[in-house]
PDB file of N, CA and C in Angstrom:
ATOM      1  N   UNK A   1      -4.569  -3.422 -17.695  1.00  0.00           N
ATOM      2  CA  UNK A   1      -4.576  -2.151 -18.415  1.00  0.00           C
ATOM      3  C   UNK A   1      -4.750  -2.623 -19.734  1.00  0.00           C
ATOM      4  N   UNK A   2      -5.875  -2.060 -20.395  1.00  0.00           N
ATOM      5  CA  UNK A   2      -6.193  -2.483 -21.873  1.00  0.00           C
ATOM      6  C   UNK A   2      -5.422  -1.725 -22.820  1.00  0.00           C
ATOM      7  N   UNK A   3      -5.341  -2.978 -23.479  1.00  0.00           N
ATOM      8  CA  UNK A   3      -3.917  -2.151 -24.749  1.00  0.00           C
ATOM      9  C   UNK A   3      -4.986  -2.978 -25.991  1.00  0.00           C
ATOM     10  N   UNK A   4      -4.929  -1.846 -26.974  1.00  0.00           N
ATOM     11  CA  UNK A   4      -5.625  -2.249 -28.130  1.00  0.00           C
ATOM     12  C   UNK A   4      -4.425  -2.134 -29.473  1.00  0.00           C
ATOM     13  N   UNK A   5      -4.841  -2.749 -30.576  1.00  0.00           N
ATOM     14  CA  UNK A   5      -3.965  -3.058 -31.514  1.00  0.00           C
ATOM     15  C   UNK A   5      -4.826  -2.432 -32.710  1.00  0.00           C
ATOM     16  N   UNK A   6      -4.152  -1.909 -33.520  1.00  0.00           N
ATOM     17  CA  UNK A   6      -5.041  -1.772 -35.033  1.00  0.00           C
ATOM     18  C   UNK A   6      -3.873  -2.369 -36.071  1.00  0.00           C
ATOM     19  N   UNK A   7      -4.977  -2.850 -36.681  1.00  0.00           N
ATOM     20  CA  UNK A   7      -3.917  -4.032 -37.624  1.00  0.00           C
ATOM     21  C   UNK A   7      -4.813  -3.372 -39.079  1.00  0.00           C
ATOM     22  N   UNK A   8      -3.905  -3.385 -40.159  1.00  0.00           N
ATOM     23  CA  UNK A   8      -4.612  -2.390 -41.440  1.00  0.00           C
ATOM     24  C   UNK A   8      -3.317  -3.159 -42.620  1.00  0.00           C
ATOM     25  N   UNK A   9      -3.868  -3.061 -43.629  1.00  0.00           N
ATOM     26  CA  UNK A   9      -3.372  -2.746 -44.844  1.00  0.00           C
ATOM     27  C   UNK A   9      -2.743  -1.513 -45.074  1.00  0.00           C
ATOM     28  N   UNK A  10      -1.502  -1.445 -45.416  1.00  0.00           N
ATOM     29  CA  UNK A  10      -0.859   0.078 -45.764  1.00  0.00           C
ATOM     30  C   UNK A  10       0.288  -0.295 -46.500  1.00  0.00           C
ATOM     31  N   UNK A  11       0.601   0.413 -47.893  1.00  0.00           N
ATOM     32  CA  UNK A  11       1.796  -0.209 -48.585  1.00  0.00           C
ATOM     33  C   UNK A  11       3.054   0.948 -47.965  1.00  0.00           C
ATOM     34  N   UNK A  12       3.921   0.619 -48.301  1.00  0.00           N
ATOM     35  CA  UNK A  12       5.372   1.251 -48.164  1.00  0.00           C
ATOM     36  C   UNK A  12       5.333   2.563 -48.121  1.00  0.00           C
ATOM     37  N   UNK A  13       4.636   3.496 -49.408  1.00  0.00           N
ATOM     38  CA  UNK A  13       4.727   4.620 -49.617  1.00  0.00           C
ATOM     39  C   UNK A  13       3.840   5.338 -48.579  1.00  0.00           C
ATOM     40  N   UNK A  14       2.503   4.675 -48.206  1.00  0.00           N
ATOM     41  CA  UNK A  14       1.396   5.483 -47.012  1.00  0.00           C
ATOM     42  C   UNK A  14       1.971   5.276 -45.547  1.00  0.00           C
ATOM     43  N   UNK A  15       2.928   4.172 -45.535  1.00  0.00           N
ATOM     44  CA  UNK A  15       3.331   4.388 -44.397  1.00  0.00           C
ATOM     45  C   UNK A  15       4.587   5.348 -43.925  1.00  0.00           C
ATOM     46  N   UNK A  16       5.166   5.277 -44.845  1.00  0.00           N
ATOM     47  CA  UNK A  16       6.019   6.604 -44.911  1.00  0.00           C
ATOM     48  C   UNK A  16       5.712   7.801 -44.812  1.00  0.00           C
ATOM     49  N   UNK A  17       4.372   8.102 -45.353  1.00  0.00           N
ATOM     50  CA  UNK A  17       3.949   9.174 -45.551  1.00  0.00           C
ATOM     51  C   UNK A  17       3.494   9.794 -43.843  1.00  0.00           C
ATOM     52  N   UNK A  18       2.989   8.630 -43.169  1.00  0.00           N
ATOM     53  CA  UNK A  18       2.230   8.688 -41.930  1.00  0.00           C
ATOM     54  C   UNK A  18       3.421   8.972 -41.066  1.00  0.00           C
ATOM     55  N   UNK A  19       4.796   8.100 -40.980  1.00  0.00           N
ATOM     56  CA  UNK A  19       5.977   8.729 -40.406  1.00  0.00           C
ATOM     57  C   UNK A  19       6.258  10.060 -40.241  1.00  0.00           C
ATOM     58  N   UNK A  20       6.129  10.512 -41.450  1.00  0.00           N
ATOM     59  CA  UNK A  20       6.943  11.895 -41.773  1.00  0.00           C
ATOM     60  C   UNK A  20       6.172  12.969 -41.397  1.00  0.00           C
ATOM     61  N   UNK A  21       4.686  12.417 -41.546  1.00  0.00           N
ATOM     62  CA  UNK A  21       3.464  13.501 -40.787  1.00  0.00           C
ATOM     63  C   UNK A  21       3.921  13.752 -39.173  1.00  0.00           C
ATOM     64  N   UNK A  22       4.036  12.791 -38.843  1.00  0.00           N
ATOM     65  CA  UNK A  22       4.328  12.215 -37.551  1.00  0.00           C
ATOM     66  C   UNK A  22       5.334  13.320 -36.773  1.00  0.00           C
ATOM     67  N   UNK A  23       6.571  12.946 -37.649  1.00  0.00           N
ATOM     68  CA  UNK A  23       7.766  13.563 -37.366  1.00  0.00           C
ATOM     69  C   UNK A  23       7.849  15.298 -37.853  1.00  0.00           C
ATOM     70  N   UNK A  24       7.221  15.443 -38.595  1.00  0.00           N
ATOM     71  CA  UNK A  24       6.901  17.232 -38.740  1.00  0.00           C
ATOM     72  C   UNK A  24       5.958  17.830 -37.603  1.00  0.00           C
ATOM     73  N   UNK A  25       4.926  17.123 -37.214  1.00  0.00           N
ATOM     74  CA  UNK A  25       4.570  17.347 -36.000  1.00  0.00           C
ATOM     75  C   UNK A  25       5.181  17.565 -34.848  1.00  0.00           C
ATOM     76  N   UNK A  26       6.151  16.423 -34.893  1.00  0.00           N
ATOM     77  CA  UNK A  26       6.970  16.840 -33.616  1.00  0.00           C
ATOM     78  C   UNK A  26       7.974  18.098 -33.603  1.00  0.00           C
ATOM     79  N   UNK A  27       8.365  18.010 -34.778  1.00  0.00           N
ATOM     80  CA  UNK A  27       9.504  19.151 -34.759  1.00  0.00           C
ATOM     81  C   UNK A  27       8.899  20.740 -34.738  1.00  0.00           C
ATOM     82  N   UNK A  28       7.512  20.687 -35.099  1.00  0.00           N
ATOM     83  CA  UNK A  28       6.754  22.189 -35.037  1.00  0.00           C
ATOM     84  C   UNK A  28       6.708  21.902 -33.663  1.00  0.00           C
ATOM     85  N   UNK A  29       6.433  20.955 -32.747  1.00  0.00           N
ATOM     86  CA  UNK A  29       6.085  21.281 -31.248  1.00  0.00           C
ATOM     87  C   UNK A  29       4.709  20.841 -30.950  1.00  0.00           C
ATOM     88  N   UNK A  30       4.023  20.474 -32.147  1.00  0.00           N
ATOM     89  CA  UNK A  30       2.780  20.416 -31.930  1.00  0.00           C
ATOM     90  C   UNK A  30       2.489  18.883 -31.266  1.00  0.00           C
ATOM     91  N   UNK A  31       1.495  18.446 -30.551  1.00  0.00           N
ATOM     92  CA  UNK A  31       1.392  17.454 -29.532  1.00  0.00           C
ATOM     93  C   UNK A  31       0.718  16.371 -30.615  1.00  0.00           C
ATOM     94  N   UNK A  32       1.496  15.322 -30.190  1.00  0.00           N
ATOM     95  CA  UNK A  32       1.272  13.636 -30.989  1.00  0.00           C
ATOM     96  C   UNK A  32      -0.030  13.569 -30.921  1.00  0.00           C
ATOM     97  N   UNK A  33      -0.512  12.638 -31.900  1.00  0.00           N
ATOM     98  CA  UNK A  33      -1.931  12.475 -31.950  1.00  0.00           C
ATOM     99  C   UNK A  33      -2.038  11.403 -30.690  1.00  0.00           C
ATOM    100  N   UNK A  34      -3.075  10.493 -30.388  1.00  0.00           N
ATOM    101  CA  UNK A  34      -3.355   9.773 -29.517  1.00  0.00           C
ATOM    102  C   UNK A  34      -2.625   8.702 -29.840  1.00  0.00           C
ATOM    103  N   UNK A  35      -1.668   8.303 -29.041  1.00  0.00           N
ATOM    104  CA  UNK A  35      -0.779   6.961 -29.390  1.00  0.00           C
ATOM    105  C   UNK A  35      -1.350   5.747 -29.747  1.00  0.00           C
ATOM    106  N   UNK A  36      -1.812   5.201 -30.718  1.00  0.00           N
ATOM    107  CA  UNK A  36      -2.357   3.910 -31.249  1.00  0.00           C
ATOM    108  C   UNK A  36      -0.985   2.642 -31.758  1.00  0.00           C
ATOM    109  N   UNK A  37      -1.029   1.746 -31.168  1.00  0.00           N
ATOM    110  CA  UNK A  37      -0.263   0.983 -31.506  1.00  0.00           C
ATOM    111  C   UNK A  37      -1.067   0.163 -32.886  1.00  0.00           C
ATOM    112  N   UNK A  38       0.255  -0.081 -33.539  1.00  0.00           N
ATOM    113  CA  UNK A  38      -0.558  -0.055 -34.684  1.00  0.00           C
ATOM    114  C   UNK A  38       0.709  -1.145 -35.500  1.00  0.00           C
ATOM    115  N   UNK A  39      -0.073  -1.989 -36.519  1.00  0.00           N
ATOM    116  CA  UNK A  39       0.738  -3.182 -36.871  1.00  0.00           C
ATOM    117  C   UNK A  39       0.247  -3.188 -38.637  1.00  0.00           C
ATOM    118  N   UNK A  40       0.867  -2.783 -39.757  1.00  0.00           N
ATOM    119  CA  UNK A  40       0.901  -2.653 -40.944  1.00  0.00           C
ATOM    120  C   UNK A  40       1.221  -4.020 -41.834  1.00  0.00           C
ATOM    121  N   UNK A  41       0.360  -4.160 -42.841  1.00  0.00           N
ATOM    122  CA  UNK A  41       0.730  -5.138 -43.654  1.00  0.00           C
ATOM    123  C   UNK A  41       0.427  -4.910 -45.035  1.00  0.00           C
ATOM    124  N   UNK A  42       1.620  -5.221 -46.256  1.00  0.00           N
ATOM    125  CA  UNK A  42       1.643  -4.713 -47.717  1.00  0.00           C
ATOM    126  C   UNK A  42       0.153  -4.809 -48.322  1.00  0.00           C
ATOM    127  N   UNK A  43       0.001  -6.381 -47.802  1.00  0.00           N
ATOM    128  CA  UNK A  43      -1.370  -6.685 -48.752  1.00  0.00           C
ATOM    129  C   UNK A  43      -2.176  -7.770 -47.768  1.00  0.00           C
ATOM    130  N   UNK A  44      -3.572  -7.934 -48.398  1.00  0.00           N
ATOM    131  CA  UNK A  44      -4.290  -8.968 -47.881  1.00  0.00           C
ATOM    132  C   UNK A  44      -3.657 -10.210 -47.618  1.00  0.00           C
ATOM    133  N   UNK A  45      -3.294 -10.859 -48.790  1.00  0.00           N
ATOM    134  CA  UNK A  45      -2.740 -12.127 -48.527  1.00  0.00           C
ATOM    135  C   UNK A  45      -1.689 -12.155 -47.503  1.00  0.00           C
ATOM    136  N   UNK A  46      -1.025 -11.017 -47.534  1.00  0.00           N
ATOM    137  CA  UNK A  46       0.288 -11.328 -46.282  1.00  0.00           C
ATOM    138  C   UNK A  46      -0.751 -11.275 -44.942  1.00  0.00           C
ATOM    139  N   UNK A  47      -1.201 -10.570 -44.691  1.00  0.00           N
ATOM    140  CA  UNK A  47      -2.273 -10.375 -43.927  1.00  0.00           C
ATOM    141  C   UNK A  47      -2.613 -11.488 -43.030  1.00  0.00           C
ATOM    142  N   UNK A  48      -3.735 -12.422 -43.882  1.00  0.00           N
ATOM    143  CA  UNK A  48      -4.172 -13.642 -43.504  1.00  0.00           C
ATOM    144  C   UNK A  48      -3.502 -14.629 -43.451  1.00  0.00           C
ATOM    145  N   UNK A  49      -2.112 -14.752 -44.198  1.00  0.00           N
ATOM    146  CA  UNK A  49      -0.720 -15.801 -44.108  1.00  0.00           C
ATOM    147  C   UNK A  49      -0.546 -15.556 -42.807  1.00  0.00           C
ATOM    148  N   UNK A  50      -0.343 -14.394 -42.112  1.00  0.00           N
ATOM    149  CA  UNK A  50      -0.045 -14.057 -40.629  1.00  0.00           C
ATOM    150  C   UNK A  50      -0.877 -14.503 -39.715  1.00  0.00           C
ATOM    151  N   UNK A  51      -2.145 -13.845 -39.750  1.00  0.00           N
ATOM    152  CA  UNK A  51      -3.180 -14.110 -38.853  1.00  0.00           C
ATOM    153  C   UNK A  51      -4.281 -15.103 -39.197  1.00  0.00           C
ATOM    154  N   UNK A  52      -3.807 -16.163 -39.451  1.00  0.00           N
ATOM    155  CA  UNK A  52      -4.623 -17.172 -39.521  1.00  0.00           C
ATOM    156  C   UNK A  52      -5.382 -17.370 -38.016  1.00  0.00           C
ATOM    157  N   UNK A  53      -6.747 -18.416 -38.599  1.00  0.00           N
ATOM    158  CA  UNK A  53      -7.634 -18.807 -37.150  1.00  0.00           C
ATOM    159  C   UNK A  53      -6.734 -18.964 -36.069  1.00  0.00           C
ATOM    160  N   UNK A  54      -5.514 -20.572 -36.342  1.00  0.00           N
ATOM    161  CA  UNK A  54      -4.927 -20.877 -35.219  1.00  0.00           C
ATOM    162  C   UNK A  54      -4.168 -19.972 -34.601  1.00  0.00           C
ATOM    163  N   UNK A  55      -3.661 -18.969 -35.412  1.00  0.00           N
ATOM    164  CA  UNK A  55      -2.840 -17.909 -34.328  1.00  0.00           C
ATOM    165  C   UNK A  55      -3.344 -17.129 -33.848  1.00  0.00           C
ATOM    166  N   UNK A  56      -4.569 -16.415 -34.552  1.00  0.00           N
ATOM    167  CA  UNK A  56      -5.535 -15.783 -33.860  1.00  0.00           C
ATOM    168  C   UNK A  56      -6.351 -16.702 -32.401  1.00  0.00           C
ATOM    169  N   UNK A  57      -6.214 -17.834 -32.245  1.00  0.00           N
ATOM    170  CA  UNK A  57      -6.590 -18.893 -31.254  1.00  0.00           C
ATOM    171  C   UNK A  57      -5.332 -18.561 -30.373  1.00  0.00           C
ATOM    172  N   UNK A  58      -4.159 -18.898 -30.982  1.00  0.00           N
ATOM    173  CA  UNK A  58      -2.505 -18.507 -29.992  1.00  0.00           C
ATOM    174  C   UNK A  58      -2.798 -17.204 -29.204  1.00  0.00           C
ATOM    175  N   UNK A  59      -3.332 -16.442 -29.877  1.00  0.00           N
ATOM    176  CA  UNK A  59      -3.254 -14.917 -29.112  1.00  0.00           C
ATOM    177  C   UNK A  59      -4.390 -14.997 -27.952  1.00  0.00           C
ATOM    178  N   UNK A  60      -5.467 -15.419 -28.286  1.00  0.00           N
ATOM    179  CA  UNK A  60      -6.384 -15.525 -27.079  1.00  0.00           C
ATOM    180  C   UNK A  60      -5.942 -16.243 -26.144  1.00  0.00           C
ATOM    181  N   UNK A  61      -5.769 -17.138 -26.439  1.00  0.00           N
ATOM    182  CA  UNK A  61      -5.023 -18.521 -25.022  1.00  0.00           C
ATOM    183  C   UNK A  61      -4.250 -17.823 -24.546  1.00  0.00           C
ATOM    184  N   UNK A  62      -3.267 -17.425 -24.931  1.00  0.00           N
ATOM    185  CA  UNK A  62      -2.299 -16.461 -24.269  1.00  0.00           C
ATOM    186  C   UNK A  62      -2.433 -15.697 -23.569  1.00  0.00           C
ATOM    187  N   UNK A  63      -3.278 -14.722 -24.136  1.00  0.00           N
ATOM    188  CA  UNK A  63      -3.836 -13.620 -23.339  1.00  0.00           C
ATOM    189  C   UNK A  63      -4.406 -13.903 -22.112  1.00  0.00           C
ATOM    190  N   UNK A  64      -4.963 -14.881 -21.888  1.00  0.00           N
ATOM    191  CA  UNK A  64      -5.884 -15.295 -20.955  1.00  0.00           C
ATOM    192  C   UNK A  64      -5.091 -15.475 -20.229  1.00  0.00           C
ATOM    193  N   UNK A  65      -4.005 -16.779 -20.688  1.00  0.00           N
ATOM    194  CA  UNK A  65      -3.388 -17.681 -19.556  1.00  0.00           C
ATOM    195  C   UNK A  65      -1.937 -16.907 -18.749  1.00  0.00           C
ATOM    196  N   UNK A  66      -1.684 -15.515 -19.647  1.00  0.00           N
ATOM    197  CA  UNK A  66      -0.571 -15.004 -18.964  1.00  0.00           C
ATOM    198  C   UNK A  66       0.490 -15.373 -19.079  1.00  0.00           C
ATOM    199  N   UNK A  67       1.820 -14.932 -18.444  1.00  0.00           N
ATOM    200  CA  UNK A  67       3.222 -15.535 -19.146  1.00  0.00           C
ATOM    201  C   UNK A  67       3.039 -17.134 -18.853  1.00  0.00           C
ATOM    202  N   UNK A  68       3.735 -17.490 -20.025  1.00  0.00           N
ATOM    203  CA  UNK A  68       3.727 -19.167 -19.795  1.00  0.00           C
ATOM    204  C   UNK A  68       4.773 -19.182 -20.860  1.00  0.00           C
ATOM    205  N   UNK A  69       5.243 -20.772 -20.965  1.00  0.00           N
ATOM    206  CA  UNK A  69       6.121 -20.958 -21.854  1.00  0.00           C
ATOM    207  C   UNK A  69       5.672 -21.522 -23.340  1.00  0.00           C
ATOM    208  N   UNK A  70       6.097 -21.894 -24.107  1.00  0.00           N
ATOM    209  CA  UNK A  70       5.635 -22.586 -25.444  1.00  0.00           C
ATOM    210  C   UNK A  70       5.255 -23.832 -24.893  1.00  0.00           C
ATOM    211  N   UNK A  71       5.694 -24.436 -24.125  1.00  0.00           N
ATOM    212  CA  UNK A  71       5.308 -26.008 -24.045  1.00  0.00           C
ATOM    213  C   UNK A  71       4.006 -25.838 -23.151  1.00  0.00           C
ATOM    214  N   UNK A  72       3.710 -25.079 -22.000  1.00  0.00           N
ATOM    215  CA  UNK A  72       2.658 -24.837 -21.483  1.00  0.00           C
ATOM    216  C   UNK A  72       1.354 -24.470 -22.112  1.00  0.00           C
ATOM    217  N   UNK A  73       1.485 -23.638 -23.355  1.00  0.00           N
ATOM    218  CA  UNK A  73       0.471 -23.018 -24.193  1.00  0.00           C
ATOM    219  C   UNK A  73       0.208 -24.229 -25.063  1.00  0.00           C
ATOM    220  N   UNK A  74       1.359 -25.126 -25.407  1.00  0.00           N
ATOM    221  CA  UNK A  74       0.772 -26.114 -26.272  1.00  0.00           C
ATOM    222  C   UNK A  74      -0.333 -27.142 -25.719  1.00  0.00           C
ATOM    223  N   UNK A  75       0.380 -27.229 -24.356  1.00  0.00           N
ATOM    224  CA  UNK A  75      -0.472 -28.208 -23.470  1.00  0.00           C
ATOM    225  C   UNK A  75      -1.628 -27.712 -23.248  1.00  0.00           C
ATOM    226  N   UNK A  76      -1.722 -26.521 -23.082  1.00  0.00           N
ATOM    227  CA  UNK A  76      -3.506 -25.953 -22.815  1.00  0.00           C
ATOM    228  C   UNK A  76      -4.180 -25.947 -24.034  1.00  0.00           C
ATOM    229  N   UNK A  77      -3.579 -25.414 -24.984  1.00  0.00           N
ATOM    230  CA  UNK A  77      -4.483 -25.862 -26.202  1.00  0.00           C
ATOM    231  C   UNK A  77      -4.642 -27.220 -26.894  1.00  0.00           C
ATOM    232  N   UNK A  78      -3.233 -28.283 -26.610  1.00  0.00           N
ATOM    233  CA  UNK A  78      -3.788 -29.754 -26.748  1.00  0.00           C
ATOM    234  C   UNK A  78      -3.426 -29.855 -28.467  1.00  0.00           C
ATOM    235  N   UNK A  79      -2.522 -28.971 -28.801  1.00  0.00           N
ATOM    236  CA  UNK A  79      -1.971 -28.712 -30.124  1.00  0.00           C
ATOM    237  C   UNK A  79      -0.682 -29.127 -29.740  1.00  0.00           C
ATOM    238  N   UNK A  80       0.158 -29.710 -31.060  1.00  0.00           N
ATOM    239  CA  UNK A  80       1.585 -30.226 -31.150  1.00  0.00           C
ATOM    240  C   UNK A  80       2.564 -29.091 -30.803  1.00  0.00           C
ATOM    241  N   UNK A  81       3.420 -29.782 -30.099  1.00  0.00           N
ATOM    242  CA  UNK A  81       4.593 -28.026 -30.014  1.00  0.00           C
ATOM    243  C   UNK A  81       5.225 -27.525 -30.787  1.00  0.00           C
ATOM    244  N   UNK A  82       5.614 -28.138 -32.012  1.00  0.00           N
ATOM    245  CA  UNK A  82       6.187 -28.022 -32.745  1.00  0.00           C
ATOM    246  C   UNK A  82       5.374 -26.747 -33.594  1.00  0.00           C
ATOM    247  N   UNK A  83       3.999 -27.057 -33.714  1.00  0.00           N
ATOM    248  CA  UNK A  83       3.406 -26.451 -34.524  1.00  0.00           C
ATOM    249  C   UNK A  83       3.104 -24.769 -33.804  1.00  0.00           C
ATOM    250  N   UNK A  84       3.077 -24.948 -32.030  1.00  0.00           N
ATOM    251  CA  UNK A  84       2.496 -23.991 -31.494  1.00  0.00           C
ATOM    252  C   UNK A  84       3.638 -23.218 -31.695  1.00  0.00           C
ATOM    253  N   UNK A  85       5.066 -23.455 -31.679  1.00  0.00           N
ATOM    254  CA  UNK A  85       6.377 -22.830 -31.555  1.00  0.00           C
ATOM    255  C   UNK A  85       6.688 -22.190 -32.835  1.00  0.00           C
ATOM    256  N   UNK A  86       6.023 -22.983 -33.896  1.00  0.00           N
ATOM    257  CA  UNK A  86       6.017 -22.151 -34.977  1.00  0.00           C
ATOM    258  C   UNK A  86       5.274 -20.785 -35.558  1.00  0.00           C
ATOM    259  N   UNK A  87       3.840 -21.422 -35.059  1.00  0.00           N
ATOM    260  CA  UNK A  87       3.334 -19.851 -34.788  1.00  0.00           C
ATOM    261  C   UNK A  87       3.825 -18.804 -33.531  1.00  0.00           C
ATOM    262  N   UNK A  88       4.392 -19.269 -32.553  1.00  0.00           N
ATOM    263  CA  UNK A  88       4.876 -18.142 -32.033  1.00  0.00           C
ATOM    264  C   UNK A  88       5.791 -17.611 -32.150  1.00  0.00           C
ATOM    265  N   UNK A  89       6.870 -17.965 -33.258  1.00  0.00           N
ATOM    266  CA  UNK A  89       7.849 -17.357 -33.827  1.00  0.00           C
ATOM    267  C   UNK A  89       7.411 -16.733 -34.878  1.00  0.00           C
ATOM    268  N   UNK A  90       6.372 -16.608 -35.541  1.00  0.00           N
ATOM    269  CA  UNK A  90       5.973 -15.952 -36.544  1.00  0.00           C
ATOM    270  C   UNK A  90       5.218 -14.702 -35.900  1.00  0.00           C
ATOM    271  N   UNK A  91       4.228 -15.076 -34.822  1.00  0.00           N
ATOM    272  CA  UNK A  91       3.515 -14.164 -33.865  1.00  0.00           C
ATOM    273  C   UNK A  91       4.856 -12.893 -33.249  1.00  0.00           C
ATOM    274  N   UNK A  92       5.842 -13.467 -32.900  1.00  0.00           N
ATOM    275  CA  UNK A  92       6.904 -12.710 -32.353  1.00  0.00           C
ATOM    276  C   UNK A  92       7.755 -11.664 -33.462  1.00  0.00           C
ATOM    277  N   UNK A  93       7.772 -12.321 -34.632  1.00  0.00           N
ATOM    278  CA  UNK A  93       8.262 -11.174 -35.665  1.00  0.00           C
ATOM    279  C   UNK A  93       7.466 -10.223 -35.879  1.00  0.00           C
ATOM    280  N   UNK A  94       6.181 -10.673 -36.053  1.00  0.00           N
ATOM    281  CA  UNK A  94       5.453  -9.247 -36.441  1.00  0.00           C
ATOM    282  C   UNK A  94       5.233  -8.403 -34.952  1.00  0.00           C
ATOM    283  N   UNK A  95       5.477  -8.808 -33.674  1.00  0.00           N
ATOM    284  CA  UNK A  95       5.262  -7.810 -32.472  1.00  0.00           C
ATOM    285  C   UNK A  95       4.090  -8.274 -31.757  1.00  0.00           C
ATOM    286  N   UNK A  96       3.323  -9.331 -32.253  1.00  0.00           N
ATOM    287  CA  UNK A  96       2.315  -9.400 -31.634  1.00  0.00           C
ATOM    288  C   UNK A  96       2.290 -10.475 -30.387  1.00  0.00           C
ATOM    289  N   UNK A  97       3.870 -10.823 -29.997  1.00  0.00           N
ATOM    290  CA  UNK A  97       3.923 -11.705 -28.994  1.00  0.00           C
ATOM    291  C   UNK A  97       5.474 -11.344 -28.390  1.00  0.00           C
ATOM    292  N   UNK A  98       5.205 -11.261 -26.908  1.00  0.00           N
ATOM    293  CA  UNK A  98       6.544 -10.542 -26.376  1.00  0.00           C
ATOM    294  C   UNK A  98       7.209 -11.639 -25.703  1.00  0.00           C
ATOM    295  N   UNK A  99       8.229 -11.862 -25.292  1.00  0.00           N
ATOM    296  CA  UNK A  99       9.071 -13.148 -24.633  1.00  0.00           C
ATOM    297  C   UNK A  99       9.598 -12.173 -23.613  1.00  0.00           C
ATOM    298  N   UNK A 100       9.273 -12.684 -22.098  1.00  0.00           N
ATOM    299  CA  UNK A 100      10.213 -12.295 -20.929  1.00  0.00           C
ATOM    300  C   UNK A 100      11.783 -12.659 -20.819  1.00  0.00           C
ATOM    301  N   UNK A 101      12.351 -12.077 -20.395  1.00  0.00           N
ATOM    302  CA  UNK A 101      14.173 -12.810 -20.086  1.00  0.00           C
ATOM    303  C   UNK A 101      13.802 -14.095 -19.864  1.00  0.00           C
ATOM    304  N   UNK A 102      13.137 -14.251 -19.245  1.00  0.00           N
ATOM    305  CA  UNK A 102      12.818 -15.673 -18.632  1.00  0.00           C
ATOM    306  C   UNK A 102      12.321 -16.573 -19.588  1.00  0.00           C
ATOM    307  N   UNK A 103      11.764 -16.142 -20.694  1.00  0.00           N
ATOM    308  CA  UNK A 103      11.368 -16.550 -21.636  1.00  0.00           C
ATOM    309  C   UNK A 103      10.025 -17.248 -21.674  1.00  0.00           C
ATOM    310  N   UNK A 104       9.116 -16.381 -20.760  1.00  0.00           N
ATOM    311  CA  UNK A 104       7.538 -16.521 -20.690  1.00  0.00           C
ATOM    312  C   UNK A 104       7.039 -15.805 -22.057  1.00  0.00           C
ATOM    313  N   UNK A 105       6.131 -16.483 -22.363  1.00  0.00           N
ATOM    314  CA  UNK A 105       5.589 -15.477 -23.677  1.00  0.00           C
ATOM    315  C   UNK A 105       4.080 -14.564 -23.221  1.00  0.00           C
ATOM    316  N   UNK A 106       4.116 -13.710 -23.746  1.00  0.00           N
ATOM    317  CA  UNK A 106       2.770 -12.627 -23.240  1.00  0.00           C
ATOM    318  C   UNK A 106       1.985 -12.357 -24.647  1.00  0.00           C
ATOM    319  N   UNK A 107       0.712 -12.031 -24.945  1.00  0.00           N
ATOM    320  CA  UNK A 107       0.050 -11.220 -25.367  1.00  0.00           C
ATOM    321  C   UNK A 107      -0.503 -10.560 -24.737  1.00  0.00           C
ATOM    322  N   UNK A 108       0.045  -8.974 -25.055  1.00  0.00           N
ATOM    323  CA  UNK A 108      -0.501  -7.856 -24.055  1.00  0.00           C
ATOM    324  C   UNK A 108      -1.672  -7.345 -24.687  1.00  0.00           C
ATOM    325  N   UNK A 109      -2.126  -7.470 -25.770  1.00  0.00           N
ATOM    326  CA  UNK A 109      -3.551  -6.790 -26.216  1.00  0.00           C
ATOM    327  C   UNK A 109      -4.527  -7.690 -25.867  1.00  0.00           C
ATOM    328  N   UNK A 110      -5.836  -6.796 -25.320  1.00  0.00           N
ATOM    329  CA  UNK A 110      -7.013  -7.295 -24.809  1.00  0.00           C
ATOM    330  C   UNK A 110      -7.330  -7.074 -26.312  1.00  0.00           C
ATOM    331  N   UNK A 111      -7.483  -6.218 -27.157  1.00  0.00           N
ATOM    332  CA  UNK A 111      -8.448  -6.094 -28.319  1.00  0.00           C
ATOM    333  C   UNK A 111      -7.565  -5.713 -29.725  1.00  0.00           C
ATOM    334  N   UNK A 112      -7.694  -6.423 -30.717  1.00  0.00           N
ATOM    335  CA  UNK A 112      -7.037  -6.613 -31.989  1.00  0.00           C
ATOM    336  C   UNK A 112      -8.392  -5.944 -32.888  1.00  0.00           C
ATOM    337  N   UNK A 113      -8.123  -4.889 -33.555  1.00  0.00           N
ATOM    338  CA  UNK A 113      -9.037  -4.040 -34.570  1.00  0.00           C
ATOM    339  C   UNK A 113      -8.718  -4.361 -36.047  1.00  0.00           C
ATOM    340  N   UNK A 114      -9.173  -4.874 -36.703  1.00  0.00           N
ATOM    341  CA  UNK A 114      -7.949  -5.056 -38.094  1.00  0.00           C
ATOM    342  C   UNK A 114      -9.054  -4.425 -38.679  1.00  0.00           C
ATOM    343  N   UNK A 115      -8.709  -3.576 -39.973  1.00  0.00           N
ATOM    344  CA  UNK A 115      -9.328  -3.041 -40.974  1.00  0.00           C
ATOM    345  C   UNK A 115      -8.829  -3.150 -41.985  1.00  0.00           C
ATOM    346  N   UNK A 116      -9.842  -3.440 -43.251  1.00  0.00           N
ATOM    347  CA  UNK A 116      -9.503  -3.633 -44.742  1.00  0.00           C
ATOM    348  C   UNK A 116     -10.463  -2.928 -45.272  1.00  0.00           C
ATOM    349  N   UNK A 117      -9.863  -1.960 -46.263  1.00  0.00           N
ATOM    350  CA  UNK A 117     -10.457  -1.055 -47.156  1.00  0.00           C
ATOM    351  C   UNK A 117     -10.999  -1.753 -48.224  1.00  0.00           C
ATOM    352  N   UNK A 118     -12.030  -1.432 -48.571  1.00  0.00           N
ATOM    353  CA  UNK A 118     -12.457  -2.270 -50.224  1.00  0.00           C
ATOM    354  C   UNK A 118     -11.979  -1.430 -51.431  1.00  0.00           C
ATOM    355  N   UNK A 119     -11.665  -0.417 -50.921  1.00  0.00           N
ATOM    356  CA  UNK A 119     -11.605   0.647 -52.365  1.00  0.00           C
ATOM    357  C   UNK A 119     -10.281   1.657 -51.951  1.00  0.00           C
ATOM    358  N   UNK A 120      -9.374   1.657 -52.936  1.00  0.00           N
ATOM    359  CA  UNK A 120      -8.063   2.728 -52.498  1.00  0.00           C
ATOM    360  C   UNK A 120      -8.586   3.787 -52.566  1.00  0.00           C
TER     361      UNK A 120
END
């Protein structure tokens, strides 16, 4: 199954407005918009700090490899275990990497779409 994640920059106030609008639609019995997996960052520097080229590579390799351990992923990428482990911790915190009960990692997204507005 293909899963797409939308990544963008949105402040707390904008995120809260979106949440309230969705809540009101639900209260009124209106159908929900098509579900979209979303990840918002407060600002561009934060987004770029999290989504570094190395971490995007981790996501790509992890998605292709399927459920693997951090050690297996580091070996596959020919990177130091400690660095890969740190990248995984960051990606897990923001919800881009999932960990199974057995400790295996997955990146369920087939596509990550980033949107950066140039004007407010």
